[in-house]
Amino acid sequence: MHISKRGFRGLVTIVAAGTLVAGLSACSGGSTGAGSSGDSAGPGTELTTVGFVAVGPEGGWRNANEQAIKDAFSKDAGFDLKYAPAASPSDQKSQLDAFSTFVNDEVDVILLTATEASGWEDELKKAKEAEIPVILLDRGVDAPSDLYVTRIAPDNTQVAKSVGEWAATTFPSGANYFVLEGVPGLSVVNERNEGFDAAIAGKSGWNKVGAQTANWKTDEGKSVIETALKASNNGIQFIFAQNDEMGIGAAQAVAAAGLKPGTDVKIATIDGTKGALEALAKGDLSFVAQYNPFFGTDAVDAVTKTLAGEKVDSTIIVKSATFDSAEAAQKALDEGKGF
């Protein structure tokens, strides 16, 4: 009976899957990551080759997420992870090139965190033709769902909705508010806007002073809010920052304007980094919604099932938490939940 190269790889993966659980247990105390020469799956064991088209250094959340993926896809766990970060967090061309290289190299599976939602359909079609399954991590893409297996991420819309629900409760009569957005064109930006807007829809007294990208960066968040406060004569009561770094920058701008962050202007953020929890514990931030970065084991499970021919849900939601007080933030810090 003839077995294609791709089918043969799938069979090898199934055979190797029995060692996966043991491998994960052995490295549960912390792996040295994808590029570690010390990792080994044992003599004679064929590793599953995984191409990871990544974003690369972008901030605390991204660093924690990509490290979690590297740790989960270790050689001890039976994988050979090829890590390909973008040339910059907004450089799609380098990602497209890396994706194409992985297809040409006939890796077993591709993990993709896209710098942009659009522009992926042609590459995904090539991967499908080559029988290489693609799994989306964190960010979605504007392409037919049959071109990828699943998307693994916290629910951006629901996370942002929790921010809006908190804000609506905190400001029952409404507020003048400003939104600091992430990089334009990303699915996460749109989803976070949708979730927040849905939570305050129909609520009276809510006046959107403005919205502007600060590209996930602290210094840009500070600059944007400094300008917004001057333009509104310090008339902003609430700021929704779509990530922690921008929110921390906003708090710096509020303080520089002679106002007290957390009192005169309340700031809510998304991610749950250590810096944000510390700022919440200090009182500079008022609400932090966690966007849980630790889903490496979810990704391993999805890859293993996919290569074994098992059913995988089209969307895998990663559970996240919220922190609404200084006490909650300090408790989370004490429990090591910051990253």
C-alpha atoms as a PDB file:
ATOM      1  CA  MET A   1       0.000   0.000   0.000  1.00  0.00           C
ATOM      2  CA  HIS A   2       1.349   3.429  -0.961  1.00  0.00           C
ATOM      3  CA  ILE A   3       1.569   6.013   1.852  1.00  0.00           C
ATOM      4  CA  SER A   4       2.268   9.652   0.981  1.00  0.00           C
ATOM      5  CA  LYS A   5       5.092  11.477   2.703  1.00  0.00           C
ATOM      6  CA  ARG A   6       2.561  13.589   4.589  1.00  0.00           C
ATOM      7  CA  GLY A   7       0.568  10.523   5.574  1.00  0.00           C
ATOM      8  CA  PHE A   8       3.715   8.787   6.743  1.00  0.00           C
ATOM      9  CA  ARG A   9       4.558  11.739   8.933  1.00  0.00           C
ATOM     10  CA  GLY A  10       1.073  11.571  10.416  1.00  0.00           C
ATOM     11  CA  LEU A  11       1.567   7.909  11.277  1.00  0.00           C
ATOM     12  CA  VAL A  12       4.919   8.633  12.870  1.00  0.00           C
ATOM     13  CA  THR A  13       3.305  11.359  14.928  1.00  0.00           C
ATOM     14  CA  ILE A  14       0.586   9.018  16.123  1.00  0.00           C
ATOM     15  CA  VAL A  15       3.170   6.492  17.218  1.00  0.00           C
ATOM     16  CA  ALA A  16       5.164   9.224  18.928  1.00  0.00           C
ATOM     17  CA  ALA A  17       2.091  10.680  20.616  1.00  0.00           C
ATOM     18  CA  GLY A  18       2.289   8.059  23.359  1.00  0.00           C
ATOM     19  CA  THR A  19       5.535   9.579  24.531  1.00  0.00           C
ATOM     20  CA  LEU A  20       4.166  13.119  24.443  1.00  0.00           C
ATOM     21  CA  VAL A  21       2.403  13.072  27.807  1.00  0.00           C
ATOM     22  CA  ALA A  22       5.490  11.738  29.531  1.00  0.00           C
ATOM     23  CA  GLY A  23       7.604  14.348  27.794  1.00  0.00           C
ATOM     24  CA  LEU A  24       5.318  17.148  28.925  1.00  0.00           C
ATOM     25  CA  SER A  25       5.344  15.824  32.483  1.00  0.00           C
ATOM     26  CA  ALA A  26       9.122  15.695  32.465  1.00  0.00           C
ATOM     27  CA  CYS A  27       9.386  19.339  31.414  1.00  0.00           C
ATOM     28  CA  SER A  28       6.529  20.725  33.524  1.00  0.00           C
ATOM     29  CA  GLY A  29       9.027  22.321  35.868  1.00  0.00           C
ATOM     30  CA  GLY A  30      10.111  24.639  33.017  1.00  0.00           C
ATOM     31  CA  SER A  31      11.663  23.977  29.644  1.00  0.00           C
ATOM     32  CA  THR A  32      14.698  25.727  28.259  1.00  0.00           C
ATOM     33  CA  GLY A  33      12.744  26.476  25.067  1.00  0.00           C
ATOM     34  CA  ALA A  34      12.854  25.795  21.374  1.00  0.00           C
ATOM     35  CA  GLY A  35      16.456  26.489  20.559  1.00  0.00           C
ATOM     36  CA  SER A  36      17.983  24.526  23.409  1.00  0.00           C
ATOM     37  CA  SER A  37      20.546  21.957  22.337  1.00  0.00           C
ATOM     38  CA  GLY A  38      20.163  20.223  25.677  1.00  0.00           C
ATOM     39  CA  ASP A  39      16.645  19.039  24.926  1.00  0.00           C
ATOM     40  CA  SER A  40      16.347  15.526  23.574  1.00  0.00           C
ATOM     41  CA  ALA A  41      13.499  13.161  22.828  1.00  0.00           C
ATOM     42  CA  GLY A  42      15.774  10.156  23.046  1.00  0.00           C
ATOM     43  CA  PRO A  43      17.768   8.188  20.471  1.00  0.00           C
ATOM     44  CA  GLY A  44      15.867   6.998  17.421  1.00  0.00           C
ATOM     45  CA  THR A  45      12.812   9.224  18.078  1.00  0.00           C
ATOM     46  CA  GLU A  46      11.639  11.270  15.109  1.00  0.00           C
ATOM     47  CA  LEU A  47      10.644  14.786  16.100  1.00  0.00           C
ATOM     48  CA  THR A  48       7.545  16.548  14.800  1.00  0.00           C
ATOM     49  CA  THR A  49       8.698  19.663  12.935  1.00  0.00           C
ATOM     50  CA  VAL A  50       6.717  22.781  13.806  1.00  0.00           C
ATOM     51  CA  GLY A  51       7.163  26.105  12.018  1.00  0.00           C
ATOM     52  CA  PHE A  52       6.235  29.045  14.248  1.00  0.00           C
ATOM     53  CA  VAL A  53       5.565  32.254  12.297  1.00  0.00           C
ATOM     54  CA  ALA A  54       5.726  34.642  15.225  1.00  0.00           C
ATOM     55  CA  VAL A  55       5.514  38.356  15.969  1.00  0.00           C
ATOM     56  CA  GLY A  56       8.654  38.589  18.082  1.00  0.00           C
ATOM     57  CA  PRO A  57       9.441  41.156  20.817  1.00  0.00           C
ATOM     58  CA  GLU A  58       6.422  43.445  21.227  1.00  0.00           C
ATOM     59  CA  GLY A  59       5.874  43.825  24.956  1.00  0.00           C
ATOM     60  CA  GLY A  60       5.313  41.838  28.127  1.00  0.00           C
ATOM     61  CA  TRP A  61       2.317  39.877  26.879  1.00  0.00           C
ATOM     62  CA  ARG A  62       3.897  38.836  23.600  1.00  0.00           C
ATOM     63  CA  ASN A  63       7.146  37.823  25.291  1.00  0.00           C
ATOM     64  CA  ALA A  64       5.275  35.644  27.789  1.00  0.00           C
ATOM     65  CA  ASN A  65       3.097  34.073  25.108  1.00  0.00           C
ATOM     66  CA  GLU A  66       5.888  33.189  22.714  1.00  0.00           C
ATOM     67  CA  GLN A  67       8.028  31.806  25.525  1.00  0.00           C
ATOM     68  CA  ALA A  68       5.107  29.624  26.596  1.00  0.00           C
ATOM     69  CA  ILE A  69       4.905  28.246  23.055  1.00  0.00           C
ATOM     70  CA  LYS A  70       8.652  27.629  22.945  1.00  0.00           C
ATOM     71  CA  ASP A  71       8.561  25.848  26.301  1.00  0.00           C
ATOM     72  CA  ALA A  72       5.630  23.628  25.310  1.00  0.00           C
ATOM     73  CA  PHE A  73       7.097  22.597  21.944  1.00  0.00           C
ATOM     74  CA  SER A  74      10.413  21.404  23.324  1.00  0.00           C
ATOM     75  CA  LYS A  75      12.477  18.534  22.036  1.00  0.00           C
ATOM     76  CA  ASP A  76      11.742  16.677  25.277  1.00  0.00           C
ATOM     77  CA  ALA A  77       8.070  16.846  24.284  1.00  0.00           C
ATOM     78  CA  GLY A  78       8.861  15.432  20.831  1.00  0.00           C
ATOM     79  CA  PHE A  79       9.033  18.596  18.735  1.00  0.00           C
ATOM     80  CA  ASP A  80      11.546  20.472  16.645  1.00  0.00           C
ATOM     81  CA  LEU A  81      10.267  24.058  16.802  1.00  0.00           C
ATOM     82  CA  LYS A  82      11.442  26.446  14.081  1.00  0.00           C
ATOM     83  CA  TYR A  83      10.928  29.945  15.505  1.00  0.00           C
ATOM     84  CA  ALA A  84      10.600  32.725  12.910  1.00  0.00           C
ATOM     85  CA  PRO A  85       9.810  36.134  14.453  1.00  0.00           C
ATOM     86  CA  ALA A  86       8.837  39.040  12.204  1.00  0.00           C
ATOM     87  CA  ALA A  87      11.507  41.616  11.388  1.00  0.00           C
ATOM     88  CA  SER A  88       9.337  44.018  13.401  1.00  0.00           C
ATOM     89  CA  PRO A  89       5.901  43.661  15.045  1.00  0.00           C
ATOM     90  CA  SER A  90       4.271  45.214  11.969  1.00  0.00           C
ATOM     91  CA  ASP A  91       6.382  43.611   9.214  1.00  0.00           C
ATOM     92  CA  GLN A  92       4.038  41.251   7.401  1.00  0.00           C
ATOM     93  CA  LYS A  93       6.407  40.612   4.493  1.00  0.00           C
ATOM     94  CA  SER A  94       8.944  38.839   6.696  1.00  0.00           C
ATOM     95  CA  GLN A  95       6.123  36.690   8.060  1.00  0.00           C
ATOM     96  CA  LEU A  96       4.877  35.806   4.592  1.00  0.00           C
ATOM     97  CA  ASP A  97       8.425  34.865   3.593  1.00  0.00           C
ATOM     98  CA  ALA A  98       8.848  32.680   6.694  1.00  0.00           C
ATOM     99  CA  PHE A  99       5.487  30.985   6.080  1.00  0.00           C
ATOM    100  CA  SER A 100       6.432  30.248   2.465  1.00  0.00           C
ATOM    101  CA  THR A 101       9.773  28.819   3.583  1.00  0.00           C
ATOM    102  CA  PHE A 102       8.064  26.497   6.044  1.00  0.00           C
ATOM    103  CA  VAL A 103       5.736  25.244   3.296  1.00  0.00           C
ATOM    104  CA  ASN A 104       8.669  24.641   0.961  1.00  0.00           C
ATOM    105  CA  ASP A 105      10.558  22.856   3.745  1.00  0.00           C
ATOM    106  CA  GLU A 106       7.538  20.581   4.299  1.00  0.00           C
ATOM    107  CA  VAL A 107       7.265  21.073   8.048  1.00  0.00           C
ATOM    108  CA  ASP A 108       4.609  18.960   9.758  1.00  0.00           C
ATOM    109  CA  VAL A 109       2.517  21.870  11.005  1.00  0.00           C
ATOM    110  CA  ILE A 110       2.621  25.672  11.053  1.00  0.00           C
ATOM    111  CA  LEU A 111       1.711  27.902  14.000  1.00  0.00           C
ATOM    112  CA  LEU A 112       0.804  31.441  12.938  1.00  0.00           C
ATOM    113  CA  THR A 113       0.440  34.662  14.903  1.00  0.00           C
ATOM    114  CA  ALA A 114      -0.228  37.209  12.164  1.00  0.00           C
ATOM    115  CA  THR A 115       1.035  40.794  12.237  1.00  0.00           C
ATOM    116  CA  GLU A 116      -1.958  41.709  10.026  1.00  0.00           C
ATOM    117  CA  ALA A 117      -5.316  40.040   9.522  1.00  0.00           C
ATOM    118  CA  SER A 118      -5.458  40.444   5.740  1.00  0.00           C
ATOM    119  CA  GLY A 119      -3.155  39.103   3.059  1.00  0.00           C
ATOM    120  CA  TRP A 120      -2.917  35.477   4.198  1.00  0.00           C
ATOM    121  CA  GLU A 121      -5.345  33.612   1.953  1.00  0.00           C
ATOM    122  CA  ASP A 122      -2.881  32.717  -0.812  1.00  0.00           C
ATOM    123  CA  GLU A 123      -0.261  31.404   1.617  1.00  0.00           C
ATOM    124  CA  LEU A 124      -2.846  29.408   3.538  1.00  0.00           C
ATOM    125  CA  LYS A 125      -4.018  27.835   0.280  1.00  0.00           C
ATOM    126  CA  LYS A 126      -0.440  26.781  -0.471  1.00  0.00           C
ATOM    127  CA  ALA A 127      -0.157  25.150   2.952  1.00  0.00           C
ATOM    128  CA  LYS A 128      -3.439  23.308   2.427  1.00  0.00           C
ATOM    129  CA  GLU A 129      -2.318  22.051  -0.983  1.00  0.00           C
ATOM    130  CA  ALA A 130       0.886  20.803   0.646  1.00  0.00           C
ATOM    131  CA  GLU A 131      -1.222  19.067   3.346  1.00  0.00           C
ATOM    132  CA  ILE A 132       0.395  21.138   6.089  1.00  0.00           C
ATOM    133  CA  PRO A 133      -2.153  22.084   8.772  1.00  0.00           C
ATOM    134  CA  VAL A 134      -2.082  25.644  10.101  1.00  0.00           C
ATOM    135  CA  ILE A 135      -3.075  26.636  13.629  1.00  0.00           C
ATOM    136  CA  LEU A 136      -3.669  30.292  14.496  1.00  0.00           C
ATOM    137  CA  LEU A 137      -2.370  31.565  17.813  1.00  0.00           C
ATOM    138  CA  ASP A 138      -3.887  34.681  19.381  1.00  0.00           C
ATOM    139  CA  ARG A 139      -4.802  36.674  16.277  1.00  0.00           C
ATOM    140  CA  GLY A 140      -7.326  35.778  13.628  1.00  0.00           C
ATOM    141  CA  VAL A 141      -6.952  36.258   9.874  1.00  0.00           C
ATOM    142  CA  ASP A 142      -9.303  37.370   7.111  1.00  0.00           C
ATOM    143  CA  ALA A 143      -9.442  34.065   5.263  1.00  0.00           C
ATOM    144  CA  PRO A 144     -11.898  31.159   4.891  1.00  0.00           C
ATOM    145  CA  SER A 145     -11.958  29.014   8.022  1.00  0.00           C
ATOM    146  CA  ASP A 146     -11.351  25.828   6.028  1.00  0.00           C
ATOM    147  CA  LEU A 147      -7.793  27.024   5.338  1.00  0.00           C
ATOM    148  CA  TYR A 148      -6.747  26.597   8.962  1.00  0.00           C
ATOM    149  CA  VAL A 149      -7.535  24.117  11.705  1.00  0.00           C
ATOM    150  CA  THR A 150      -8.346  26.320  14.667  1.00  0.00           C
ATOM    151  CA  ARG A 151      -7.639  29.592  16.405  1.00  0.00           C
ATOM    152  CA  ILE A 152      -6.389  29.402  20.006  1.00  0.00           C
ATOM    153  CA  ALA A 153      -6.798  32.573  22.050  1.00  0.00           C
ATOM    154  CA  PRO A 154      -8.609  34.178  24.922  1.00  0.00           C
ATOM    155  CA  ASP A 155     -11.929  35.685  23.823  1.00  0.00           C
ATOM    156  CA  ASN A 156     -10.934  39.248  22.925  1.00  0.00           C
ATOM    157  CA  THR A 157     -14.507  40.406  22.617  1.00  0.00           C
ATOM    158  CA  GLN A 158     -15.480  38.990  26.003  1.00  0.00           C
ATOM    159  CA  VAL A 159     -12.334  40.320  27.699  1.00  0.00           C
ATOM    160  CA  ALA A 160     -13.031  43.824  26.381  1.00  0.00           C
ATOM    161  CA  LYS A 161     -16.684  43.452  27.308  1.00  0.00           C
ATOM    162  CA  SER A 162     -15.609  42.894  30.916  1.00  0.00           C
ATOM    163  CA  VAL A 163     -13.829  46.269  30.758  1.00  0.00           C
ATOM    164  CA  GLY A 164     -16.968  47.950  29.436  1.00  0.00           C
ATOM    165  CA  GLU A 165     -19.189  46.313  32.050  1.00  0.00           C
ATOM    166  CA  TRP A 166     -16.871  47.479  34.828  1.00  0.00           C
ATOM    167  CA  ALA A 167     -16.789  50.986  33.362  1.00  0.00           C
ATOM    168  CA  ALA A 168     -20.595  51.122  33.091  1.00  0.00           C
ATOM    169  CA  THR A 169     -20.902  50.136  36.752  1.00  0.00           C
ATOM    170  CA  THR A 170     -18.171  52.538  37.881  1.00  0.00           C
ATOM    171  CA  PHE A 171     -19.701  55.447  35.931  1.00  0.00           C
ATOM    172  CA  PRO A 172     -23.462  54.880  36.199  1.00  0.00           C
ATOM    173  CA  SER A 173     -24.149  58.347  34.764  1.00  0.00           C
ATOM    174  CA  GLY A 174     -21.629  57.925  31.958  1.00  0.00           C
ATOM    175  CA  ALA A 175     -18.294  59.591  31.303  1.00  0.00           C
ATOM    176  CA  ASN A 176     -16.146  61.363  28.769  1.00  0.00           C
ATOM    177  CA  TYR A 177     -13.801  58.638  27.599  1.00  0.00           C
ATOM    178  CA  PHE A 178     -10.867  58.028  25.280  1.00  0.00           C
ATOM    179  CA  VAL A 179      -9.709  54.765  23.684  1.00  0.00           C
ATOM    180  CA  LEU A 180      -6.051  53.910  23.123  1.00  0.00           C
ATOM    181  CA  GLU A 181      -5.984  51.350  20.331  1.00  0.00           C
ATOM    182  CA  GLY A 182      -3.357  48.865  19.221  1.00  0.00           C
ATOM    183  CA  VAL A 183      -1.833  48.518  15.769  1.00  0.00           C
ATOM    184  CA  PRO A 184      -4.463  49.273  13.092  1.00  0.00           C
ATOM    185  CA  GLY A 185      -5.771  46.362  11.040  1.00  0.00           C
ATOM    186  CA  LEU A 186      -5.356  43.657  13.674  1.00  0.00           C
ATOM    187  CA  SER A 187      -8.260  41.399  14.548  1.00  0.00           C
ATOM    188  CA  VAL A 188      -7.596  41.931  18.257  1.00  0.00           C
ATOM    189  CA  VAL A 189      -8.047  45.698  17.907  1.00  0.00           C
ATOM    190  CA  ASN A 190     -11.404  45.307  16.188  1.00  0.00           C
ATOM    191  CA  GLU A 191     -12.567  42.654  18.658  1.00  0.00           C
ATOM    192  CA  ARG A 192     -11.603  44.738  21.678  1.00  0.00           C
ATOM    193  CA  ASN A 193     -13.496  47.705  20.276  1.00  0.00           C
ATOM    194  CA  GLU A 194     -16.524  45.523  19.581  1.00  0.00           C
ATOM    195  CA  GLY A 195     -16.567  44.044  23.075  1.00  0.00           C
ATOM    196  CA  PHE A 196     -16.220  47.367  24.862  1.00  0.00           C
ATOM    197  CA  ASP A 197     -18.757  49.117  22.637  1.00  0.00           C
ATOM    198  CA  ALA A 198     -21.289  46.335  23.178  1.00  0.00           C
ATOM    199  CA  ALA A 199     -21.011  46.695  26.953  1.00  0.00           C
ATOM    200  CA  ILE A 200     -21.776  50.418  27.009  1.00  0.00           C
ATOM    201  CA  ALA A 201     -24.244  50.427  24.105  1.00  0.00           C
ATOM    202  CA  GLY A 202     -27.478  52.138  25.097  1.00  0.00           C
ATOM    203  CA  LYS A 203     -26.010  53.510  28.320  1.00  0.00           C
ATOM    204  CA  SER A 204     -26.693  57.227  28.773  1.00  0.00           C
ATOM    205  CA  GLY A 205     -24.015  59.830  29.366  1.00  0.00           C
ATOM    206  CA  TRP A 206     -21.168  58.087  27.546  1.00  0.00           C
ATOM    207  CA  ASN A 207     -19.279  60.538  25.332  1.00  0.00           C
ATOM    208  CA  LYS A 208     -16.371  59.293  23.234  1.00  0.00           C
ATOM    209  CA  VAL A 209     -13.832  62.114  23.202  1.00  0.00           C
ATOM    210  CA  GLY A 210     -11.624  60.231  20.752  1.00  0.00           C
ATOM    211  CA  ALA A 211      -9.740  57.082  19.792  1.00  0.00           C
ATOM    212  CA  GLN A 212      -6.221  56.782  18.455  1.00  0.00           C
ATOM    213  CA  THR A 213      -3.590  54.110  17.990  1.00  0.00           C
ATOM    214  CA  ALA A 214      -0.577  54.130  20.257  1.00  0.00           C
ATOM    215  CA  ASN A 215       0.843  50.944  18.681  1.00  0.00           C
ATOM    216  CA  TRP A 216       0.860  49.021  22.000  1.00  0.00           C
ATOM    217  CA  LYS A 217       3.668  51.306  23.307  1.00  0.00           C
ATOM    218  CA  THR A 218       4.009  53.141  26.628  1.00  0.00           C
ATOM    219  CA  ASP A 219       5.641  56.278  25.235  1.00  0.00           C
ATOM    220  CA  GLU A 220       3.069  56.612  22.467  1.00  0.00           C
ATOM    221  CA  GLY A 221       0.245  56.070  24.935  1.00  0.00           C
ATOM    222  CA  LYS A 222       1.613  58.887  27.065  1.00  0.00           C
ATOM    223  CA  SER A 223       1.988  61.202  24.077  1.00  0.00           C
ATOM    224  CA  VAL A 224      -1.522  60.552  22.746  1.00  0.00           C
ATOM    225  CA  ILE A 225      -3.167  61.141  26.118  1.00  0.00           C
ATOM    226  CA  GLU A 226      -1.129  64.283  26.800  1.00  0.00           C
ATOM    227  CA  THR A 227      -2.525  65.715  23.567  1.00  0.00           C
ATOM    228  CA  ALA A 228      -6.060  64.487  24.298  1.00  0.00           C
ATOM    229  CA  LEU A 229      -6.073  66.003  27.781  1.00  0.00           C
ATOM    230  CA  LYS A 230      -4.896  69.371  26.486  1.00  0.00           C
ATOM    231  CA  ALA A 231      -7.476  69.347  23.695  1.00  0.00           C
ATOM    232  CA  SER A 232     -10.292  68.522  26.143  1.00  0.00           C
ATOM    233  CA  ASN A 233      -9.096  70.893  28.884  1.00  0.00           C
ATOM    234  CA  ASN A 234      -8.542  67.852  31.151  1.00  0.00           C
ATOM    235  CA  GLY A 235     -12.134  66.816  30.503  1.00  0.00           C
ATOM    236  CA  ILE A 236     -11.563  63.051  30.260  1.00  0.00           C
ATOM    237  CA  GLN A 237     -12.816  60.854  33.119  1.00  0.00           C
ATOM    238  CA  PHE A 238     -12.058  57.400  31.748  1.00  0.00           C
ATOM    239  CA  ILE A 239      -9.445  55.850  29.449  1.00  0.00           C
ATOM    240  CA  PHE A 240      -9.720  52.395  27.909  1.00  0.00           C
ATOM    241  CA  ALA A 241      -6.252  51.234  26.866  1.00  0.00           C
ATOM    242  CA  GLN A 242      -6.282  48.101  24.740  1.00  0.00           C
ATOM    243  CA  ASN A 243      -3.067  46.892  26.361  1.00  0.00           C
ATOM    244  CA  ASP A 244      -1.198  47.444  29.618  1.00  0.00           C
ATOM    245  CA  GLU A 245       1.766  49.333  28.212  1.00  0.00           C
ATOM    246  CA  MET A 246      -0.420  52.010  26.644  1.00  0.00           C
ATOM    247  CA  GLY A 247      -2.430  52.255  29.872  1.00  0.00           C
ATOM    248  CA  ILE A 248       0.708  52.785  31.930  1.00  0.00           C
ATOM    249  CA  GLY A 249       1.708  55.546  29.499  1.00  0.00           C
ATOM    250  CA  ALA A 250      -1.745  57.078  29.911  1.00  0.00           C
ATOM    251  CA  ALA A 251      -1.298  57.118  33.698  1.00  0.00           C
ATOM    252  CA  GLN A 252       2.000  58.957  33.248  1.00  0.00           C
ATOM    253  CA  ALA A 253       0.268  61.551  31.058  1.00  0.00           C
ATOM    254  CA  VAL A 254      -2.533  62.020  33.585  1.00  0.00           C
ATOM    255  CA  ALA A 255      -0.027  62.619  36.370  1.00  0.00           C
ATOM    256  CA  ALA A 256       1.971  65.019  34.167  1.00  0.00           C
ATOM    257  CA  ALA A 257      -1.223  67.031  33.626  1.00  0.00           C
ATOM    258  CA  GLY A 258      -1.538  67.569  37.378  1.00  0.00           C
ATOM    259  CA  LEU A 259      -4.325  65.026  37.782  1.00  0.00           C
ATOM    260  CA  LYS A 260      -4.378  61.897  39.921  1.00  0.00           C
ATOM    261  CA  PRO A 261      -4.627  58.658  37.925  1.00  0.00           C
ATOM    262  CA  GLY A 262      -7.119  56.277  39.465  1.00  0.00           C
ATOM    263  CA  THR A 263      -9.031  59.174  41.056  1.00  0.00           C
ATOM    264  CA  ASP A 264      -9.444  62.057  38.600  1.00  0.00           C
ATOM    265  CA  VAL A 265      -9.084  59.780  35.602  1.00  0.00           C
ATOM    266  CA  LYS A 266      -9.731  56.057  35.802  1.00  0.00           C
ATOM    267  CA  ILE A 267      -7.781  53.806  33.436  1.00  0.00           C
ATOM    268  CA  ALA A 268      -8.641  50.245  32.442  1.00  0.00           C
ATOM    269  CA  THR A 269      -6.283  48.003  30.490  1.00  0.00           C
ATOM    270  CA  ILE A 270      -6.081  44.559  28.933  1.00  0.00           C
ATOM    271  CA  ASP A 271      -3.327  41.929  29.294  1.00  0.00           C
ATOM    272  CA  GLY A 272      -2.420  41.422  32.962  1.00  0.00           C
ATOM    273  CA  THR A 273       1.343  41.972  32.916  1.00  0.00           C
ATOM    274  CA  LYS A 274       3.282  42.322  36.138  1.00  0.00           C
ATOM    275  CA  GLY A 275       3.756  46.036  35.453  1.00  0.00           C
ATOM    276  CA  ALA A 276       0.004  46.566  35.105  1.00  0.00           C
ATOM    277  CA  LEU A 277      -0.789  44.632  38.274  1.00  0.00           C
ATOM    278  CA  GLU A 278       1.806  46.684  40.133  1.00  0.00           C
ATOM    279  CA  ALA A 279       0.246  49.880  38.758  1.00  0.00           C
ATOM    280  CA  LEU A 280      -3.205  48.663  39.832  1.00  0.00           C
ATOM    281  CA  ALA A 281      -1.910  47.785  43.298  1.00  0.00           C
ATOM    282  CA  LYS A 282      -0.445  51.291  43.503  1.00  0.00           C
ATOM    283  CA  GLY A 283      -3.676  52.906  42.351  1.00  0.00           C
ATOM    284  CA  ASP A 284      -2.461  54.300  39.034  1.00  0.00           C
ATOM    285  CA  LEU A 285      -4.698  51.888  37.101  1.00  0.00           C
ATOM    286  CA  SER A 286      -8.271  51.075  38.103  1.00  0.00           C
ATOM    287  CA  PHE A 287      -9.057  47.826  36.291  1.00  0.00           C
ATOM    288  CA  VAL A 288      -6.979  45.170  34.534  1.00  0.00           C
ATOM    289  CA  ALA A 289      -8.506  42.425  32.396  1.00  0.00           C
ATOM    290  CA  GLN A 290      -6.188  39.493  31.912  1.00  0.00           C
ATOM    291  CA  TYR A 291      -5.577  38.243  28.385  1.00  0.00           C
ATOM    292  CA  ASN A 292      -4.051  34.921  29.359  1.00  0.00           C
ATOM    293  CA  PRO A 293      -0.815  34.274  27.389  1.00  0.00           C
ATOM    294  CA  PHE A 294      -0.152  30.793  28.729  1.00  0.00           C
ATOM    295  CA  PHE A 295      -1.699  28.440  26.184  1.00  0.00           C
ATOM    296  CA  GLY A 296       1.305  26.440  25.041  1.00  0.00           C
ATOM    297  CA  THR A 297      -0.224  23.171  26.254  1.00  0.00           C
ATOM    298  CA  ASP A 298      -3.465  23.995  24.398  1.00  0.00           C
ATOM    299  CA  ALA A 299      -1.416  24.431  21.227  1.00  0.00           C
ATOM    300  CA  VAL A 300       0.416  21.129  21.777  1.00  0.00           C
ATOM    301  CA  ASP A 301      -2.892  19.353  22.294  1.00  0.00           C
ATOM    302  CA  ALA A 302      -4.323  20.857  19.098  1.00  0.00           C
ATOM    303  CA  VAL A 303      -1.243  19.907  17.064  1.00  0.00           C
ATOM    304  CA  THR A 304      -1.192  16.366  18.413  1.00  0.00           C
ATOM    305  CA  LYS A 305      -4.889  15.801  17.689  1.00  0.00           C
ATOM    306  CA  THR A 306      -4.632  17.356  14.237  1.00  0.00           C
ATOM    307  CA  LEU A 307      -1.727  15.190  13.136  1.00  0.00           C
ATOM    308  CA  ALA A 308      -3.455  12.134  14.571  1.00  0.00           C
ATOM    309  CA  GLY A 309      -6.539  12.870  12.475  1.00  0.00           C
ATOM    310  CA  GLU A 310      -8.726  13.670  15.482  1.00  0.00           C
ATOM    311  CA  LYS A 311     -11.387  16.397  15.597  1.00  0.00           C
ATOM    312  CA  VAL A 312     -10.284  19.823  16.849  1.00  0.00           C
ATOM    313  CA  ASP A 313     -12.719  22.616  17.704  1.00  0.00           C
ATOM    314  CA  SER A 314     -12.591  25.494  15.218  1.00  0.00           C
ATOM    315  CA  THR A 315     -12.060  27.928  18.093  1.00  0.00           C
ATOM    316  CA  ILE A 316     -10.317  27.167  21.377  1.00  0.00           C
ATOM    317  CA  ILE A 317     -11.007  29.767  24.072  1.00  0.00           C
ATOM    318  CA  VAL A 318      -8.348  30.363  26.729  1.00  0.00           C
ATOM    319  CA  LYS A 319      -9.833  31.290  30.119  1.00  0.00           C
ATOM    320  CA  SER A 320      -8.786  34.627  31.604  1.00  0.00           C
ATOM    321  CA  ALA A 321      -9.409  36.607  34.808  1.00  0.00           C
ATOM    322  CA  THR A 322     -10.113  40.221  35.815  1.00  0.00           C
ATOM    323  CA  PHE A 323      -8.666  42.385  38.606  1.00  0.00           C
ATOM    324  CA  ASP A 324     -10.731  45.304  39.856  1.00  0.00           C
ATOM    325  CA  SER A 325      -8.948  46.596  42.952  1.00  0.00           C
ATOM    326  CA  ALA A 326      -5.551  47.202  44.496  1.00  0.00           C
ATOM    327  CA  GLU A 327      -6.151  44.245  46.798  1.00  0.00           C
ATOM    328  CA  ALA A 328      -6.991  41.917  43.913  1.00  0.00           C
ATOM    329  CA  ALA A 329      -3.868  43.060  42.083  1.00  0.00           C
ATOM    330  CA  GLN A 330      -1.617  42.486  45.081  1.00  0.00           C
ATOM    331  CA  LYS A 331      -3.104  39.039  45.630  1.00  0.00           C
ATOM    332  CA  ALA A 332      -2.417  38.168  41.989  1.00  0.00           C
ATOM    333  CA  LEU A 333       1.166  39.412  42.322  1.00  0.00           C
ATOM    334  CA  ASP A 334       1.658  37.374  45.506  1.00  0.00           C
ATOM    335  CA  GLU A 335       0.428  34.308  43.641  1.00  0.00           C
ATOM    336  CA  GLY A 336       2.850  34.953  40.768  1.00  0.00           C
ATOM    337  CA  LYS A 337       0.151  35.639  38.181  1.00  0.00           C
ATOM    338  CA  GLY A 338       1.961  38.583  36.616  1.00  0.00           C
ATOM    339  CA  PHE A 339       4.261  38.027  33.675  1.00  0.00           C
END
